[in-house]
Amino acid sequence: MLTALFVVARIVANPVSNVFQKQLTQRAANPLFIIGATDAILAVAVLPLFLLGAVPLALAPGFWTNMAICATLAVASNVLLVYALQSADLSVLGPINAYKSVVSLVLGVFLLGEIPGPMGAGGVLLIVAGSYFVVDRDPTQPRSNALARFFRERGIQFRFAALAVSATEAIFLKKTLLLSSPVTTFVFWSILGVPIAAVAMALLHRKRLGTEIVLFRLHWRTYAWLAATTGIMQLTSLLTFAKVPVGYSLALFQLSTLISVFLGYRYFQEGQIRKRLLGSAIMAAGAVLIVLQGHSR
């Protein structure tokens, strides 16, 4: 019962956090500062766990190495995602997460020599077909150009880059879970992201820091909600991974794409909601087929 609640909470929290991220980019906040501030709020929130003795400090050396890599990759993937949200619709970016299954399938071919079966091939075709429905939103251009435009859009390219980094992060997250617990992993994931984002902000956008602090004061409620939803998303993901195989978990998480489309329509007036919902459902079904193939061997 608890695992089902974790899955539902994660499915809802992910697209809701994207809404707050997109709102902040519309208010001219820098993506790197958005992620750094989110991590800082989370770090403050988890500090009491140390006082309660809920977080052990005596952990295996391998934990710290994997955790540092996780935190670095998390900051990078989230920053790329926010850059994507700056220039593309939420109702388009959400469904792209289904391509994570395609990436894993392709890597399996080259790294493991695993040739996709009928379910895997069908899953890829469904994801590509769903992309056509999600992205073809310009009636003035030929429909045959839909997928070409899809891969040329800057926001889409940022989203795919974020997806690749996030998929790599998931591997190291799994390793940290094997050496600790979901709560311990979550606490250090939150804390270690702060110095990494701070250093990156100082090196790349030092002159904007004053402006970002002013924006933070003006929109602190949005930052607080973003931190809350991000924290829920990450913690419930870890709790789910601890109970359910990662492949099955990722397939279940694809249901969040439908919520992304609705929220894009509701908060940002993004159009063609029916077609995008159809495309999202098709892509989610494709991702499920790929995952099922992997677990049927």
C-alpha atoms as a PDB file:
ATOM      1  CA  MET A   1       0.000   0.000   0.000  1.00  0.00           C
ATOM      2  CA  LEU A   2       2.779   2.444   0.931  1.00  0.00           C
ATOM      3  CA  THR A   3       4.667   1.674  -2.285  1.00  0.00           C
ATOM      4  CA  ALA A   4       1.565   2.507  -4.323  1.00  0.00           C
ATOM      5  CA  LEU A   5       1.310   5.834  -2.491  1.00  0.00           C
ATOM      6  CA  PHE A   6       4.976   6.541  -3.229  1.00  0.00           C
ATOM      7  CA  VAL A   7       4.392   5.869  -6.931  1.00  0.00           C
ATOM      8  CA  VAL A   8       1.311   8.110  -7.080  1.00  0.00           C
ATOM      9  CA  ALA A   9       3.081  10.909  -5.196  1.00  0.00           C
ATOM     10  CA  ARG A  10       6.027  10.734  -7.566  1.00  0.00           C
ATOM     11  CA  ILE A  11       3.798  10.726 -10.663  1.00  0.00           C
ATOM     12  CA  VAL A  12       2.073  13.905  -9.473  1.00  0.00           C
ATOM     13  CA  ALA A  13       5.075  15.720  -7.946  1.00  0.00           C
ATOM     14  CA  ASN A  14       7.293  15.552 -11.033  1.00  0.00           C
ATOM     15  CA  PRO A  15       5.104  17.582 -13.442  1.00  0.00           C
ATOM     16  CA  VAL A  16       3.996  19.957 -10.666  1.00  0.00           C
ATOM     17  CA  SER A  17       7.652  20.790  -9.930  1.00  0.00           C
ATOM     18  CA  ASN A  18       8.115  21.463 -13.651  1.00  0.00           C
ATOM     19  CA  VAL A  19       5.292  24.018 -13.467  1.00  0.00           C
ATOM     20  CA  PHE A  20       7.114  25.969 -10.747  1.00  0.00           C
ATOM     21  CA  GLN A  21      10.394  25.739 -12.665  1.00  0.00           C
ATOM     22  CA  LYS A  22       8.775  27.115 -15.803  1.00  0.00           C
ATOM     23  CA  GLN A  23       7.060  29.909 -13.857  1.00  0.00           C
ATOM     24  CA  LEU A  24      10.412  31.011 -12.450  1.00  0.00           C
ATOM     25  CA  THR A  25      12.048  31.039 -15.880  1.00  0.00           C
ATOM     26  CA  GLN A  26       9.198  33.230 -17.117  1.00  0.00           C
ATOM     27  CA  ARG A  27      10.116  35.654 -14.315  1.00  0.00           C
ATOM     28  CA  ALA A  28      13.698  35.840 -15.669  1.00  0.00           C
ATOM     29  CA  ALA A  29      15.307  33.628 -12.998  1.00  0.00           C
ATOM     30  CA  ASN A  30      18.531  31.904 -14.041  1.00  0.00           C
ATOM     31  CA  PRO A  31      18.178  28.086 -14.351  1.00  0.00           C
ATOM     32  CA  LEU A  32      21.351  27.417 -12.385  1.00  0.00           C
ATOM     33  CA  PHE A  33      20.240  29.692  -9.543  1.00  0.00           C
ATOM     34  CA  ILE A  34      16.800  28.030  -9.557  1.00  0.00           C
ATOM     35  CA  ILE A  35      18.385  24.627  -8.958  1.00  0.00           C
ATOM     36  CA  GLY A  36      20.886  25.960  -6.417  1.00  0.00           C
ATOM     37  CA  ALA A  37      18.177  27.730  -4.413  1.00  0.00           C
ATOM     38  CA  THR A  38      15.981  24.618  -4.522  1.00  0.00           C
ATOM     39  CA  ASP A  39      18.804  22.476  -3.172  1.00  0.00           C
ATOM     40  CA  ALA A  40      19.592  25.081  -0.490  1.00  0.00           C
ATOM     41  CA  ILE A  41      16.004  25.051   0.782  1.00  0.00           C
ATOM     42  CA  LEU A  42      16.011  21.248   0.812  1.00  0.00           C
ATOM     43  CA  ALA A  43      19.342  21.196   2.643  1.00  0.00           C
ATOM     44  CA  VAL A  44      17.934  23.416   5.388  1.00  0.00           C
ATOM     45  CA  ALA A  45      14.822  21.225   5.591  1.00  0.00           C
ATOM     46  CA  VAL A  46      16.785  17.993   6.121  1.00  0.00           C
ATOM     47  CA  LEU A  47      19.270  19.350   8.679  1.00  0.00           C
ATOM     48  CA  PRO A  48      17.019  18.385  11.653  1.00  0.00           C
ATOM     49  CA  LEU A  49      17.438  14.752  10.642  1.00  0.00           C
ATOM     50  CA  PHE A  50      21.049  14.985  11.797  1.00  0.00           C
ATOM     51  CA  LEU A  51      19.956  16.246  15.211  1.00  0.00           C
ATOM     52  CA  LEU A  52      17.500  13.349  15.510  1.00  0.00           C
ATOM     53  CA  GLY A  53      20.219  10.847  14.632  1.00  0.00           C
ATOM     54  CA  ALA A  54      18.276   9.574  11.612  1.00  0.00           C
ATOM     55  CA  VAL A  55      21.245   9.926   9.248  1.00  0.00           C
ATOM     56  CA  PRO A  56      24.364   7.845   9.896  1.00  0.00           C
ATOM     57  CA  LEU A  57      27.731   9.376   9.043  1.00  0.00           C
ATOM     58  CA  ALA A  58      29.710   6.127   9.172  1.00  0.00           C
ATOM     59  CA  LEU A  59      29.080   4.906   5.646  1.00  0.00           C
ATOM     60  CA  ALA A  60      31.070   2.815   3.175  1.00  0.00           C
ATOM     61  CA  PRO A  61      33.694   4.771   1.160  1.00  0.00           C
ATOM     62  CA  GLY A  62      31.929   3.758  -2.042  1.00  0.00           C
ATOM     63  CA  PHE A  63      28.826   5.586  -0.871  1.00  0.00           C
ATOM     64  CA  TRP A  64      30.551   8.970  -0.814  1.00  0.00           C
ATOM     65  CA  THR A  65      32.043   8.533  -4.274  1.00  0.00           C
ATOM     66  CA  ASN A  66      28.713   7.514  -5.802  1.00  0.00           C
ATOM     67  CA  MET A  67      26.867  10.233  -3.874  1.00  0.00           C
ATOM     68  CA  ALA A  68      29.208  12.960  -5.128  1.00  0.00           C
ATOM     69  CA  ILE A  69      28.705  11.778  -8.690  1.00  0.00           C
ATOM     70  CA  CYS A  70      24.922  11.667  -8.148  1.00  0.00           C
ATOM     71  CA  ALA A  71      24.810  15.221  -6.827  1.00  0.00           C
ATOM     72  CA  THR A  72      26.883  16.550  -9.714  1.00  0.00           C
ATOM     73  CA  LEU A  73      24.783  14.785 -12.324  1.00  0.00           C
ATOM     74  CA  ALA A  74      21.561  15.856 -10.582  1.00  0.00           C
ATOM     75  CA  VAL A  75      22.509  19.535 -10.722  1.00  0.00           C
ATOM     76  CA  ALA A  76      23.529  19.217 -14.384  1.00  0.00           C
ATOM     77  CA  SER A  77      20.371  17.358 -15.460  1.00  0.00           C
ATOM     78  CA  ASN A  78      18.038  19.695 -13.580  1.00  0.00           C
ATOM     79  CA  VAL A  79      19.709  22.805 -14.985  1.00  0.00           C
ATOM     80  CA  LEU A  80      19.397  21.387 -18.513  1.00  0.00           C
ATOM     81  CA  LEU A  81      15.741  20.624 -17.836  1.00  0.00           C
ATOM     82  CA  VAL A  82      15.039  24.183 -16.685  1.00  0.00           C
ATOM     83  CA  TYR A  83      16.784  25.539 -19.789  1.00  0.00           C
ATOM     84  CA  ALA A  84      14.475  23.298 -21.819  1.00  0.00           C
ATOM     85  CA  LEU A  85      11.435  24.662 -20.005  1.00  0.00           C
ATOM     86  CA  GLN A  86      12.572  28.186 -20.890  1.00  0.00           C
ATOM     87  CA  SER A  87      12.072  27.627 -24.601  1.00  0.00           C
ATOM     88  CA  ALA A  88       9.592  24.752 -25.027  1.00  0.00           C
ATOM     89  CA  ASP A  89       6.100  23.793 -23.887  1.00  0.00           C
ATOM     90  CA  LEU A  90       5.701  21.701 -20.742  1.00  0.00           C
ATOM     91  CA  SER A  91       3.132  19.554 -22.571  1.00  0.00           C
ATOM     92  CA  VAL A  92       5.832  18.665 -25.129  1.00  0.00           C
ATOM     93  CA  LEU A  93       8.775  18.182 -22.773  1.00  0.00           C
ATOM     94  CA  GLY A  94       6.955  15.885 -20.336  1.00  0.00           C
ATOM     95  CA  PRO A  95       6.298  13.058 -22.808  1.00  0.00           C
ATOM     96  CA  ILE A  96       9.925  13.076 -24.007  1.00  0.00           C
ATOM     97  CA  ASN A  97      10.871  11.186 -20.843  1.00  0.00           C
ATOM     98  CA  ALA A  98       9.541   8.078 -22.608  1.00  0.00           C
ATOM     99  CA  TYR A  99      12.662   8.213 -24.778  1.00  0.00           C
ATOM    100  CA  LYS A 100      14.677   7.142 -21.737  1.00  0.00           C
ATOM    101  CA  SER A 101      13.478   3.617 -22.481  1.00  0.00           C
ATOM    102  CA  VAL A 102      14.686   3.918 -26.071  1.00  0.00           C
ATOM    103  CA  VAL A 103      18.109   5.085 -24.861  1.00  0.00           C
ATOM    104  CA  SER A 104      18.409   2.072 -22.568  1.00  0.00           C
ATOM    105  CA  LEU A 105      17.357  -0.236 -25.422  1.00  0.00           C
ATOM    106  CA  VAL A 106      19.981   1.204 -27.784  1.00  0.00           C
ATOM    107  CA  LEU A 107      22.684   0.969 -25.124  1.00  0.00           C
ATOM    108  CA  GLY A 108      21.693  -2.664 -24.609  1.00  0.00           C
ATOM    109  CA  VAL A 109      22.307  -3.384 -28.302  1.00  0.00           C
ATOM    110  CA  PHE A 110      25.811  -1.883 -28.352  1.00  0.00           C
ATOM    111  CA  LEU A 111      27.013  -2.675 -24.840  1.00  0.00           C
ATOM    112  CA  LEU A 112      25.304  -5.983 -24.119  1.00  0.00           C
ATOM    113  CA  GLY A 113      24.565  -7.353 -27.579  1.00  0.00           C
ATOM    114  CA  GLU A 114      20.851  -7.586 -26.738  1.00  0.00           C
ATOM    115  CA  ILE A 115      18.736  -7.468 -29.884  1.00  0.00           C
ATOM    116  CA  PRO A 116      15.240  -6.031 -29.303  1.00  0.00           C
ATOM    117  CA  GLY A 117      12.358  -8.483 -29.610  1.00  0.00           C
ATOM    118  CA  PRO A 118       8.910  -7.722 -31.022  1.00  0.00           C
ATOM    119  CA  MET A 119       7.774  -5.902 -27.861  1.00  0.00           C
ATOM    120  CA  GLY A 120      10.889  -3.728 -27.781  1.00  0.00           C
ATOM    121  CA  ALA A 121      10.634  -2.818 -31.460  1.00  0.00           C
ATOM    122  CA  GLY A 122       6.920  -2.120 -31.040  1.00  0.00           C
ATOM    123  CA  GLY A 123       7.664   0.103 -28.063  1.00  0.00           C
ATOM    124  CA  VAL A 124      10.135   2.196 -30.059  1.00  0.00           C
ATOM    125  CA  LEU A 125       7.619   2.599 -32.890  1.00  0.00           C
ATOM    126  CA  LEU A 126       4.922   3.704 -30.430  1.00  0.00           C
ATOM    127  CA  ILE A 127       7.201   6.298 -28.871  1.00  0.00           C
ATOM    128  CA  VAL A 128       8.141   7.735 -32.263  1.00  0.00           C
ATOM    129  CA  ALA A 129       4.492   7.722 -33.341  1.00  0.00           C
ATOM    130  CA  GLY A 130       3.440   9.435 -30.130  1.00  0.00           C
ATOM    131  CA  SER A 131       6.101  12.093 -30.677  1.00  0.00           C
ATOM    132  CA  TYR A 132       4.444  12.949 -33.985  1.00  0.00           C
ATOM    133  CA  PHE A 133       1.155  13.724 -32.248  1.00  0.00           C
ATOM    134  CA  VAL A 134       2.801  15.647 -29.418  1.00  0.00           C
ATOM    135  CA  VAL A 135       5.004  17.908 -31.510  1.00  0.00           C
ATOM    136  CA  ASP A 136       3.170  18.595 -34.768  1.00  0.00           C
ATOM    137  CA  ARG A 137       1.582  21.820 -33.611  1.00  0.00           C
ATOM    138  CA  ASP A 138       2.278  24.251 -36.518  1.00  0.00           C
ATOM    139  CA  PRO A 139      -0.579  24.003 -39.046  1.00  0.00           C
ATOM    140  CA  THR A 140       1.254  26.253 -41.541  1.00  0.00           C
ATOM    141  CA  GLN A 141       3.979  23.672 -42.190  1.00  0.00           C
ATOM    142  CA  PRO A 142       3.754  20.209 -43.792  1.00  0.00           C
ATOM    143  CA  ARG A 143       2.917  17.467 -41.335  1.00  0.00           C
ATOM    144  CA  SER A 144       5.765  15.383 -42.778  1.00  0.00           C
ATOM    145  CA  ASN A 145       8.234  17.820 -41.181  1.00  0.00           C
ATOM    146  CA  ALA A 146       6.930  17.223 -37.658  1.00  0.00           C
ATOM    147  CA  LEU A 147       9.691  14.921 -36.377  1.00  0.00           C
ATOM    148  CA  ALA A 148      12.422  16.907 -38.114  1.00  0.00           C
ATOM    149  CA  ARG A 149      11.268  20.052 -36.316  1.00  0.00           C
ATOM    150  CA  PHE A 150      10.985  18.048 -33.120  1.00  0.00           C
ATOM    151  CA  PHE A 151      14.692  17.213 -32.999  1.00  0.00           C
ATOM    152  CA  ARG A 152      15.835  20.653 -34.211  1.00  0.00           C
ATOM    153  CA  GLU A 153      14.111  22.660 -31.462  1.00  0.00           C
ATOM    154  CA  ARG A 154      16.515  24.024 -28.857  1.00  0.00           C
ATOM    155  CA  GLY A 155      14.254  23.167 -25.931  1.00  0.00           C
ATOM    156  CA  ILE A 156      13.905  19.581 -27.153  1.00  0.00           C
ATOM    157  CA  GLN A 157      17.669  19.233 -27.464  1.00  0.00           C
ATOM    158  CA  PHE A 158      18.126  20.488 -23.901  1.00  0.00           C
ATOM    159  CA  ARG A 159      15.502  17.974 -22.733  1.00  0.00           C
ATOM    160  CA  PHE A 160      17.261  15.071 -24.410  1.00  0.00           C
ATOM    161  CA  ALA A 161      20.567  16.151 -22.876  1.00  0.00           C
ATOM    162  CA  ALA A 162      18.889  16.314 -19.453  1.00  0.00           C
ATOM    163  CA  LEU A 163      17.397  12.866 -20.047  1.00  0.00           C
ATOM    164  CA  ALA A 164      20.791  11.346 -20.854  1.00  0.00           C
ATOM    165  CA  VAL A 165      22.413  12.855 -17.751  1.00  0.00           C
ATOM    166  CA  SER A 166      19.451  11.849 -15.578  1.00  0.00           C
ATOM    167  CA  ALA A 167      19.607   8.255 -16.843  1.00  0.00           C
ATOM    168  CA  THR A 168      23.274   8.121 -15.849  1.00  0.00           C
ATOM    169  CA  GLU A 169      22.452   9.587 -12.438  1.00  0.00           C
ATOM    170  CA  ALA A 170      19.876   6.822 -11.865  1.00  0.00           C
ATOM    171  CA  ILE A 171      22.626   4.198 -12.116  1.00  0.00           C
ATOM    172  CA  PHE A 172      24.667   5.845  -9.363  1.00  0.00           C
ATOM    173  CA  LEU A 173      21.559   6.448  -7.253  1.00  0.00           C
ATOM    174  CA  LYS A 174      20.891   2.725  -7.321  1.00  0.00           C
ATOM    175  CA  LYS A 175      24.457   2.093  -6.157  1.00  0.00           C
ATOM    176  CA  THR A 176      24.074   4.494  -3.236  1.00  0.00           C
ATOM    177  CA  LEU A 177      20.816   2.808  -2.230  1.00  0.00           C
ATOM    178  CA  LEU A 178      22.624  -0.529  -2.023  1.00  0.00           C
ATOM    179  CA  LEU A 179      25.097   1.056   0.411  1.00  0.00           C
ATOM    180  CA  SER A 180      22.654   3.033   2.565  1.00  0.00           C
ATOM    181  CA  SER A 181      18.918   3.786   2.713  1.00  0.00           C
ATOM    182  CA  PRO A 182      16.475   5.966   0.745  1.00  0.00           C
ATOM    183  CA  VAL A 183      16.365   8.625   3.492  1.00  0.00           C
ATOM    184  CA  THR A 184      20.167   8.796   3.857  1.00  0.00           C
ATOM    185  CA  THR A 185      20.602   9.019   0.092  1.00  0.00           C
ATOM    186  CA  PHE A 186      17.972  11.743  -0.127  1.00  0.00           C
ATOM    187  CA  VAL A 187      19.557  13.819   2.651  1.00  0.00           C
ATOM    188  CA  PHE A 188      23.017  13.840   1.102  1.00  0.00           C
ATOM    189  CA  TRP A 189      21.568  14.302  -2.410  1.00  0.00           C
ATOM    190  CA  SER A 190      19.946  17.495  -1.111  1.00  0.00           C
ATOM    191  CA  ILE A 191      22.980  18.806   0.765  1.00  0.00           C
ATOM    192  CA  LEU A 192      25.740  18.062  -1.751  1.00  0.00           C
ATOM    193  CA  GLY A 193      23.870  19.792  -4.555  1.00  0.00           C
ATOM    194  CA  VAL A 194      24.273  23.172  -2.819  1.00  0.00           C
ATOM    195  CA  PRO A 195      28.081  23.615  -3.060  1.00  0.00           C
ATOM    196  CA  ILE A 196      28.125  22.210  -6.589  1.00  0.00           C
ATOM    197  CA  ALA A 197      25.472  24.667  -7.787  1.00  0.00           C
ATOM    198  CA  ALA A 198      27.105  27.524  -5.837  1.00  0.00           C
ATOM    199  CA  VAL A 199      30.502  26.961  -7.446  1.00  0.00           C
ATOM    200  CA  ALA A 200      28.946  26.716 -10.908  1.00  0.00           C
ATOM    201  CA  MET A 201      26.931  29.892 -10.304  1.00  0.00           C
ATOM    202  CA  ALA A 202      30.036  31.771  -9.125  1.00  0.00           C
ATOM    203  CA  LEU A 203      32.039  30.678 -12.161  1.00  0.00           C
ATOM    204  CA  LEU A 204      29.380  31.170 -14.842  1.00  0.00           C
ATOM    205  CA  HIS A 205      26.932  33.819 -13.627  1.00  0.00           C
ATOM    206  CA  ARG A 206      28.616  35.717 -10.809  1.00  0.00           C
ATOM    207  CA  LYS A 207      27.411  39.116 -12.082  1.00  0.00           C
ATOM    208  CA  ARG A 208      23.779  37.973 -11.942  1.00  0.00           C
ATOM    209  CA  LEU A 209      23.856  36.913  -8.309  1.00  0.00           C
ATOM    210  CA  GLY A 210      22.468  40.212  -6.991  1.00  0.00           C
ATOM    211  CA  THR A 211      19.609  40.140  -9.490  1.00  0.00           C
ATOM    212  CA  GLU A 212      18.828  36.526  -8.639  1.00  0.00           C
ATOM    213  CA  ILE A 213      18.640  37.283  -4.920  1.00  0.00           C
ATOM    214  CA  VAL A 214      16.169  40.112  -5.613  1.00  0.00           C
ATOM    215  CA  LEU A 215      14.054  37.742  -7.714  1.00  0.00           C
ATOM    216  CA  PHE A 216      14.238  35.139  -4.948  1.00  0.00           C
ATOM    217  CA  ARG A 217      12.863  37.615  -2.421  1.00  0.00           C
ATOM    218  CA  LEU A 218      10.029  38.556  -4.778  1.00  0.00           C
ATOM    219  CA  HIS A 219       9.075  34.969  -5.607  1.00  0.00           C
ATOM    220  CA  TRP A 220      10.140  33.051  -2.514  1.00  0.00           C
ATOM    221  CA  ARG A 221       6.795  31.273  -2.297  1.00  0.00           C
ATOM    222  CA  THR A 222       7.299  29.761  -5.750  1.00  0.00           C
ATOM    223  CA  TYR A 223      10.806  28.665  -4.750  1.00  0.00           C
ATOM    224  CA  ALA A 224       9.415  27.105  -1.567  1.00  0.00           C
ATOM    225  CA  TRP A 225       6.776  25.161  -3.499  1.00  0.00           C
ATOM    226  CA  LEU A 226       9.399  24.064  -6.014  1.00  0.00           C
ATOM    227  CA  ALA A 227      11.627  22.765  -3.216  1.00  0.00           C
ATOM    228  CA  ALA A 228       8.703  20.909  -1.634  1.00  0.00           C
ATOM    229  CA  THR A 229       7.619  19.205  -4.866  1.00  0.00           C
ATOM    230  CA  THR A 230      11.205  18.434  -5.858  1.00  0.00           C
ATOM    231  CA  GLY A 231      11.852  16.901  -2.453  1.00  0.00           C
ATOM    232  CA  ILE A 232       8.698  14.777  -2.662  1.00  0.00           C
ATOM    233  CA  MET A 233       9.604  13.667  -6.178  1.00  0.00           C
ATOM    234  CA  GLN A 234      13.153  12.625  -5.284  1.00  0.00           C
ATOM    235  CA  LEU A 235      12.321  10.944  -1.968  1.00  0.00           C
ATOM    236  CA  THR A 236       9.392   8.962  -3.382  1.00  0.00           C
ATOM    237  CA  SER A 237      11.543   7.926  -6.355  1.00  0.00           C
ATOM    238  CA  LEU A 238      14.161   6.517  -3.969  1.00  0.00           C
ATOM    239  CA  LEU A 239      11.535   4.816  -1.801  1.00  0.00           C
ATOM    240  CA  THR A 240      10.011   3.251  -4.923  1.00  0.00           C
ATOM    241  CA  PHE A 241      13.390   2.081  -6.264  1.00  0.00           C
ATOM    242  CA  ALA A 242      14.023   0.384  -2.916  1.00  0.00           C
ATOM    243  CA  LYS A 243      10.875  -1.742  -3.299  1.00  0.00           C
ATOM    244  CA  VAL A 244      10.235  -2.046  -7.040  1.00  0.00           C
ATOM    245  CA  PRO A 245      12.734  -2.850  -9.850  1.00  0.00           C
ATOM    246  CA  VAL A 246      13.951   0.350 -11.477  1.00  0.00           C
ATOM    247  CA  GLY A 247      12.631  -0.683 -14.903  1.00  0.00           C
ATOM    248  CA  TYR A 248       9.098  -1.215 -13.628  1.00  0.00           C
ATOM    249  CA  SER A 249       9.295   2.008 -11.613  1.00  0.00           C
ATOM    250  CA  LEU A 250      10.253   4.038 -14.669  1.00  0.00           C
ATOM    251  CA  ALA A 251       7.388   2.519 -16.635  1.00  0.00           C
ATOM    252  CA  LEU A 252       4.911   3.518 -13.929  1.00  0.00           C
ATOM    253  CA  PHE A 253       6.377   7.016 -13.777  1.00  0.00           C
ATOM    254  CA  GLN A 254       5.489   7.530 -17.456  1.00  0.00           C
ATOM    255  CA  LEU A 255       1.915   8.264 -16.343  1.00  0.00           C
ATOM    256  CA  SER A 256       3.182  11.680 -15.256  1.00  0.00           C
ATOM    257  CA  THR A 257       3.401  12.682 -18.939  1.00  0.00           C
ATOM    258  CA  LEU A 258      -0.396  12.914 -19.094  1.00  0.00           C
ATOM    259  CA  ILE A 259      -0.383  15.261 -16.104  1.00  0.00           C
ATOM    260  CA  SER A 260       2.337  17.376 -17.761  1.00  0.00           C
ATOM    261  CA  VAL A 261       0.147  17.912 -20.805  1.00  0.00           C
ATOM    262  CA  PHE A 262      -2.823  18.949 -18.672  1.00  0.00           C
ATOM    263  CA  LEU A 263      -0.748  21.311 -16.523  1.00  0.00           C
ATOM    264  CA  GLY A 264       0.770  22.887 -19.622  1.00  0.00           C
ATOM    265  CA  TYR A 265      -2.728  23.614 -20.854  1.00  0.00           C
ATOM    266  CA  ARG A 266      -3.982  24.761 -17.448  1.00  0.00           C
ATOM    267  CA  TYR A 267      -1.158  27.099 -16.392  1.00  0.00           C
ATOM    268  CA  PHE A 268       0.534  28.158 -19.638  1.00  0.00           C
ATOM    269  CA  GLN A 269      -2.356  28.008 -22.122  1.00  0.00           C
ATOM    270  CA  GLU A 270      -0.523  25.481 -24.301  1.00  0.00           C
ATOM    271  CA  GLY A 271      -2.726  24.318 -27.154  1.00  0.00           C
ATOM    272  CA  GLN A 272      -3.803  21.066 -28.827  1.00  0.00           C
ATOM    273  CA  ILE A 273      -4.359  19.321 -25.505  1.00  0.00           C
ATOM    274  CA  ARG A 274      -6.350  16.414 -26.949  1.00  0.00           C
ATOM    275  CA  LYS A 275      -3.732  15.552 -29.539  1.00  0.00           C
ATOM    276  CA  ARG A 276      -0.913  15.878 -27.031  1.00  0.00           C
ATOM    277  CA  LEU A 277      -2.740  13.705 -24.495  1.00  0.00           C
ATOM    278  CA  LEU A 278      -3.163  11.060 -27.199  1.00  0.00           C
ATOM    279  CA  GLY A 279       0.518  11.279 -28.126  1.00  0.00           C
ATOM    280  CA  SER A 280       1.562  11.079 -24.467  1.00  0.00           C
ATOM    281  CA  ALA A 281      -0.553   7.975 -23.902  1.00  0.00           C
ATOM    282  CA  ILE A 282       0.969   6.306 -26.975  1.00  0.00           C
ATOM    283  CA  MET A 283       4.519   7.144 -25.850  1.00  0.00           C
ATOM    284  CA  ALA A 284       3.854   5.892 -22.318  1.00  0.00           C
ATOM    285  CA  ALA A 285       2.522   2.623 -23.745  1.00  0.00           C
ATOM    286  CA  GLY A 286       5.682   2.290 -25.844  1.00  0.00           C
ATOM    287  CA  ALA A 287       7.900   2.776 -22.803  1.00  0.00           C
ATOM    288  CA  VAL A 288       5.944   0.113 -20.910  1.00  0.00           C
ATOM    289  CA  LEU A 289       6.415  -2.370 -23.793  1.00  0.00           C
ATOM    290  CA  ILE A 290      10.173  -1.813 -23.781  1.00  0.00           C
ATOM    291  CA  VAL A 291      10.371  -2.321 -20.013  1.00  0.00           C
ATOM    292  CA  LEU A 292       8.213  -5.446 -20.179  1.00  0.00           C
ATOM    293  CA  GLN A 293      10.516  -6.898 -22.827  1.00  0.00           C
ATOM    294  CA  GLY A 294      13.500  -6.335 -20.569  1.00  0.00           C
ATOM    295  CA  HIS A 295      11.844  -8.182 -17.670  1.00  0.00           C
ATOM    296  CA  SER A 296      10.448 -11.035 -19.754  1.00  0.00           C
ATOM    297  CA  ARG A 297      13.879 -12.415 -20.640  1.00  0.00           C
END
